[in-house]
C-alpha atoms as a PDB file:
ATOM      1  CA  UNK A   1      25.867  12.535 -62.933  1.00  0.00           C
ATOM      2  CA  UNK A   2      23.661   8.930 -63.494  1.00  0.00           C
ATOM      3  CA  UNK A   3      19.866   9.131 -62.667  1.00  0.00           C
ATOM      4  CA  UNK A   4      19.386   6.339 -60.237  1.00  0.00           C
ATOM      5  CA  UNK A   5      16.209   4.361 -60.532  1.00  0.00           C
ATOM      6  CA  UNK A   6      13.040   5.176 -58.415  1.00  0.00           C
ATOM      7  CA  UNK A   7      12.390   2.293 -56.067  1.00  0.00           C
ATOM      8  CA  UNK A   8       8.409   1.102 -56.169  1.00  0.00           C
ATOM      9  CA  UNK A   9       7.199  -1.236 -53.746  1.00  0.00           C
ATOM     10  CA  UNK A  10       3.539   0.614 -53.987  1.00  0.00           C
ATOM     11  CA  UNK A  11       0.589  -0.504 -56.314  1.00  0.00           C
ATOM     12  CA  UNK A  12       0.185   0.815 -59.585  1.00  0.00           C
ATOM     13  CA  UNK A  13      -3.405   1.957 -60.677  1.00  0.00           C
ATOM     14  CA  UNK A  14      -4.489  -1.383 -62.196  1.00  0.00           C
ATOM     15  CA  UNK A  15      -3.427  -2.982 -58.931  1.00  0.00           C
ATOM     16  CA  UNK A  16      -6.328  -1.062 -56.996  1.00  0.00           C
ATOM     17  CA  UNK A  17      -9.346  -3.463 -56.159  1.00  0.00           C
ATOM     18  CA  UNK A  18     -12.652  -2.037 -54.559  1.00  0.00           C
ATOM     19  CA  UNK A  19     -13.120  -3.610 -51.286  1.00  0.00           C
ATOM     20  CA  UNK A  20      -8.965  -4.001 -50.545  1.00  0.00           C
ATOM     21  CA  UNK A  21      -8.222  -2.990 -47.397  1.00  0.00           C
ATOM     22  CA  UNK A  22      -4.845  -2.133 -46.185  1.00  0.00           C
ATOM     23  CA  UNK A  23      -4.101  -1.616 -42.270  1.00  0.00           C
ATOM     24  CA  UNK A  24      -1.468   0.931 -41.554  1.00  0.00           C
ATOM     25  CA  UNK A  25       1.282   0.673 -38.412  1.00  0.00           C
ATOM     26  CA  UNK A  26      -0.072   2.745 -35.411  1.00  0.00           C
ATOM     27  CA  UNK A  27       1.650   5.557 -34.087  1.00  0.00           C
ATOM     28  CA  UNK A  28       1.375   7.052 -30.203  1.00  0.00           C
ATOM     29  CA  UNK A  29       0.486  10.655 -29.739  1.00  0.00           C
ATOM     30  CA  UNK A  30       2.590  13.038 -27.994  1.00  0.00           C
ATOM     31  CA  UNK A  31       2.803  15.825 -25.971  1.00  0.00           C
ATOM     32  CA  UNK A  32       6.127  16.958 -28.326  1.00  0.00           C
ATOM     33  CA  UNK A  33       3.685  16.147 -31.201  1.00  0.00           C
ATOM     34  CA  UNK A  34       1.069  18.836 -29.957  1.00  0.00           C
ATOM     35  CA  UNK A  35       3.681  21.112 -29.327  1.00  0.00           C
ATOM     36  CA  UNK A  36       5.641  21.229 -32.492  1.00  0.00           C
ATOM     37  CA  UNK A  37       2.071  21.189 -34.335  1.00  0.00           C
ATOM     38  CA  UNK A  38       0.950  24.211 -32.765  1.00  0.00           C
ATOM     39  CA  UNK A  39       4.175  25.864 -33.143  1.00  0.00           C
ATOM     40  CA  UNK A  40       4.047  24.852 -37.225  1.00  0.00           C
ATOM     41  CA  UNK A  41       0.021  25.881 -37.267  1.00  0.00           C
ATOM     42  CA  UNK A  42      -0.158  28.872 -35.494  1.00  0.00           C
ATOM     43  CA  UNK A  43      -3.060  27.039 -33.592  1.00  0.00           C
ATOM     44  CA  UNK A  44      -2.265  27.391 -29.634  1.00  0.00           C
ATOM     45  CA  UNK A  45      -6.016  26.901 -28.785  1.00  0.00           C
ATOM     46  CA  UNK A  46      -6.154  26.299 -24.952  1.00  0.00           C
ATOM     47  CA  UNK A  47      -7.806  23.033 -25.576  1.00  0.00           C
ATOM     48  CA  UNK A  48      -4.404  21.708 -27.215  1.00  0.00           C
ATOM     49  CA  UNK A  49      -1.985  23.485 -25.194  1.00  0.00           C
ATOM     50  CA  UNK A  50      -3.128  24.663 -21.755  1.00  0.00           C
ATOM     51  CA  UNK A  51      -3.344  21.370 -19.216  1.00  0.00           C
ATOM     52  CA  UNK A  52      -4.939  23.700 -16.679  1.00  0.00           C
ATOM     53  CA  UNK A  53      -7.596  25.033 -18.881  1.00  0.00           C
ATOM     54  CA  UNK A  54      -8.421  21.466 -20.486  1.00  0.00           C
ATOM     55  CA  UNK A  55      -8.875  19.999 -17.369  1.00  0.00           C
ATOM     56  CA  UNK A  56     -12.413  22.127 -16.989  1.00  0.00           C
ATOM     57  CA  UNK A  57     -13.416  21.446 -20.229  1.00  0.00           C
ATOM     58  CA  UNK A  58     -15.571  18.062 -21.048  1.00  0.00           C
ATOM     59  CA  UNK A  59     -12.820  16.124 -22.116  1.00  0.00           C
ATOM     60  CA  UNK A  60     -10.705  16.859 -18.919  1.00  0.00           C
ATOM     61  CA  UNK A  61      -7.425  16.808 -20.534  1.00  0.00           C
ATOM     62  CA  UNK A  62      -5.673  18.363 -23.586  1.00  0.00           C
ATOM     63  CA  UNK A  63      -6.821  17.017 -26.945  1.00  0.00           C
ATOM     64  CA  UNK A  64      -4.527  16.474 -30.152  1.00  0.00           C
ATOM     65  CA  UNK A  65      -5.345  19.023 -32.991  1.00  0.00           C
ATOM     66  CA  UNK A  66      -7.779  17.085 -35.375  1.00  0.00           C
ATOM     67  CA  UNK A  67      -5.356  17.950 -38.278  1.00  0.00           C
ATOM     68  CA  UNK A  68      -2.315  16.907 -36.399  1.00  0.00           C
ATOM     69  CA  UNK A  69      -3.947  13.571 -35.916  1.00  0.00           C
ATOM     70  CA  UNK A  70      -5.134  13.625 -39.646  1.00  0.00           C
ATOM     71  CA  UNK A  71      -1.369  14.588 -40.635  1.00  0.00           C
ATOM     72  CA  UNK A  72      -0.102  11.342 -38.798  1.00  0.00           C
ATOM     73  CA  UNK A  73      -2.669   9.470 -40.639  1.00  0.00           C
ATOM     74  CA  UNK A  74      -1.244  10.160 -43.601  1.00  0.00           C
ATOM     75  CA  UNK A  75       2.121   9.492 -42.845  1.00  0.00           C
ATOM     76  CA  UNK A  76       1.026   6.036 -41.800  1.00  0.00           C
ATOM     77  CA  UNK A  77      -0.689   5.291 -44.837  1.00  0.00           C
ATOM     78  CA  UNK A  78       2.951   6.505 -46.793  1.00  0.00           C
ATOM     79  CA  UNK A  79       4.587   4.120 -44.555  1.00  0.00           C
ATOM     80  CA  UNK A  80       2.441   1.401 -45.178  1.00  0.00           C
ATOM     81  CA  UNK A  81       4.177   0.942 -48.549  1.00  0.00           C
ATOM     82  CA  UNK A  82       0.780   0.506 -50.977  1.00  0.00           C
ATOM     83  CA  UNK A  83       1.843   3.792 -52.504  1.00  0.00           C
ATOM     84  CA  UNK A  84       5.382   4.073 -52.599  1.00  0.00           C
ATOM     85  CA  UNK A  85       6.864   5.102 -55.370  1.00  0.00           C
ATOM     86  CA  UNK A  86       3.658   5.380 -57.488  1.00  0.00           C
ATOM     87  CA  UNK A  87       1.710   8.084 -55.932  1.00  0.00           C
ATOM     88  CA  UNK A  88       1.647  11.018 -58.042  1.00  0.00           C
ATOM     89  CA  UNK A  89      -0.538  13.650 -56.015  1.00  0.00           C
ATOM     90  CA  UNK A  90      -2.631  13.839 -53.144  1.00  0.00           C
ATOM     91  CA  UNK A  91      -5.436  15.382 -54.504  1.00  0.00           C
ATOM     92  CA  UNK A  92      -8.463  15.980 -51.699  1.00  0.00           C
ATOM     93  CA  UNK A  93      -9.997  14.851 -48.525  1.00  0.00           C
ATOM     94  CA  UNK A  94     -13.607  14.697 -48.490  1.00  0.00           C
ATOM     95  CA  UNK A  95     -16.401  13.602 -45.442  1.00  0.00           C
ATOM     96  CA  UNK A  96     -13.884  13.917 -42.872  1.00  0.00           C
ATOM     97  CA  UNK A  97     -15.185  13.437 -39.835  1.00  0.00           C
ATOM     98  CA  UNK A  98     -14.077  13.656 -36.403  1.00  0.00           C
ATOM     99  CA  UNK A  99     -15.543  11.651 -34.178  1.00  0.00           C
ATOM    100  CA  UNK A 100     -13.929  11.065 -30.641  1.00  0.00           C
ATOM    101  CA  UNK A 101     -11.280  12.950 -29.539  1.00  0.00           C
ATOM    102  CA  UNK A 102      -7.222  11.965 -29.751  1.00  0.00           C
ATOM    103  CA  UNK A 103      -5.741  12.708 -26.412  1.00  0.00           C
ATOM    104  CA  UNK A 104      -1.920  12.438 -25.338  1.00  0.00           C
ATOM    105  CA  UNK A 105      -0.817   8.895 -25.226  1.00  0.00           C
ATOM    106  CA  UNK A 106      -3.569   7.342 -27.575  1.00  0.00           C
ATOM    107  CA  UNK A 107      -1.862   5.078 -30.379  1.00  0.00           C
ATOM    108  CA  UNK A 108      -3.758   5.570 -33.990  1.00  0.00           C
ATOM    109  CA  UNK A 109      -3.736   3.191 -37.117  1.00  0.00           C
ATOM    110  CA  UNK A 110      -6.100   3.228 -39.979  1.00  0.00           C
ATOM    111  CA  UNK A 111      -7.853   0.663 -41.929  1.00  0.00           C
ATOM    112  CA  UNK A 112      -7.852   1.872 -45.697  1.00  0.00           C
ATOM    113  CA  UNK A 113     -10.552   0.434 -48.176  1.00  0.00           C
ATOM    114  CA  UNK A 114     -10.154   1.046 -51.537  1.00  0.00           C
ATOM    115  CA  UNK A 115     -14.356   2.431 -52.551  1.00  0.00           C
ATOM    116  CA  UNK A 116     -13.465   3.942 -55.908  1.00  0.00           C
ATOM    117  CA  UNK A 117     -11.367   3.781 -59.196  1.00  0.00           C
ATOM    118  CA  UNK A 118     -11.423   6.136 -62.040  1.00  0.00           C
ATOM    119  CA  UNK A 119      -8.559   6.082 -64.856  1.00  0.00           C
ATOM    120  CA  UNK A 120      -7.479   9.228 -65.864  1.00  0.00           C
ATOM    121  CA  UNK A 121      -4.644   8.730 -68.678  1.00  0.00           C
ATOM    122  CA  UNK A 122      -4.175  12.220 -69.426  1.00  0.00           C
ATOM    123  CA  UNK A 123      -2.497  12.507 -66.146  1.00  0.00           C
ATOM    124  CA  UNK A 124      -0.286   9.299 -66.512  1.00  0.00           C
ATOM    125  CA  UNK A 125      -2.304   7.212 -63.954  1.00  0.00           C
ATOM    126  CA  UNK A 126      -6.005   7.139 -62.085  1.00  0.00           C
ATOM    127  CA  UNK A 127      -7.420   8.299 -59.202  1.00  0.00           C
ATOM    128  CA  UNK A 128      -8.118   6.261 -56.162  1.00  0.00           C
ATOM    129  CA  UNK A 129     -10.628   6.954 -53.348  1.00  0.00           C
ATOM    130  CA  UNK A 130      -9.552   5.521 -50.080  1.00  0.00           C
ATOM    131  CA  UNK A 131     -12.015   5.367 -47.351  1.00  0.00           C
ATOM    132  CA  UNK A 132      -9.527   5.795 -43.879  1.00  0.00           C
ATOM    133  CA  UNK A 133     -11.556   4.446 -40.778  1.00  0.00           C
ATOM    134  CA  UNK A 134      -8.915   5.879 -37.744  1.00  0.00           C
ATOM    135  CA  UNK A 135      -8.612   3.509 -34.702  1.00  0.00           C
ATOM    136  CA  UNK A 136      -7.226   4.325 -31.145  1.00  0.00           C
ATOM    137  CA  UNK A 137      -5.737   1.604 -29.288  1.00  0.00           C
ATOM    138  CA  UNK A 138      -9.210   0.458 -28.044  1.00  0.00           C
ATOM    139  CA  UNK A 139     -10.376   0.307 -31.599  1.00  0.00           C
ATOM    140  CA  UNK A 140     -12.806   3.030 -31.195  1.00  0.00           C
ATOM    141  CA  UNK A 141     -13.129   4.596 -34.721  1.00  0.00           C
ATOM    142  CA  UNK A 142     -11.827   8.668 -33.935  1.00  0.00           C
ATOM    143  CA  UNK A 143     -12.119   9.865 -37.559  1.00  0.00           C
ATOM    144  CA  UNK A 144     -12.587   8.643 -40.700  1.00  0.00           C
ATOM    145  CA  UNK A 145     -12.982  10.211 -44.343  1.00  0.00           C
ATOM    146  CA  UNK A 146     -11.983  10.172 -47.839  1.00  0.00           C
ATOM    147  CA  UNK A 147      -8.346  10.695 -49.287  1.00  0.00           C
ATOM    148  CA  UNK A 148      -8.415  10.942 -53.203  1.00  0.00           C
ATOM    149  CA  UNK A 149      -5.249   9.879 -54.632  1.00  0.00           C
ATOM    150  CA  UNK A 150      -3.631  10.135 -58.195  1.00  0.00           C
ATOM    151  CA  UNK A 151      -1.770   6.866 -58.634  1.00  0.00           C
ATOM    152  CA  UNK A 152       0.924   6.179 -61.997  1.00  0.00           C
ATOM    153  CA  UNK A 153      -0.588   3.671 -64.372  1.00  0.00           C
ATOM    154  CA  UNK A 154       1.673   0.776 -65.056  1.00  0.00           C
ATOM    155  CA  UNK A 155       2.308   1.569 -68.477  1.00  0.00           C
ATOM    156  CA  UNK A 156       2.970   5.334 -67.734  1.00  0.00           C
ATOM    157  CA  UNK A 157       5.760   3.796 -65.393  1.00  0.00           C
ATOM    158  CA  UNK A 158       7.434   1.716 -68.009  1.00  0.00           C
ATOM    159  CA  UNK A 159       7.387   4.706 -70.441  1.00  0.00           C
ATOM    160  CA  UNK A 160       9.399   6.851 -68.045  1.00  0.00           C
ATOM    161  CA  UNK A 161      11.845   3.957 -67.006  1.00  0.00           C
END
């Protein structure tokens, strides 16, 4: 069977410039998201899953799991296209801070800024640190932190074609 070429629309490592900002599409967090995430993760904390209990808390309603929101933002970054076909690995999350709750019905997106790059030729590319500022529909920052990704080098891509 003939191998089809990988379709690349993402940027190669050499194309990432410090200060460049990407904006992701947005996505609304739903009750179904929270229920599914609780089932997958096993995190049935009452603040996420019990509306009666959640009404008695500081927030007055159910709060989306922080890691659910983080996962959604990761997917939104992929949907943005800037790493499609060129990301080699998700390496780490650093200094992640959850500043405000995300509620059912909130719509989140991220502004992603390139803050550091480091060539790693032995790995076929380079490390790119991306500062995520996650905003809700009211333009409030609900969380922020840094993703470290390994992005393919343009030269490595030519050798593997």
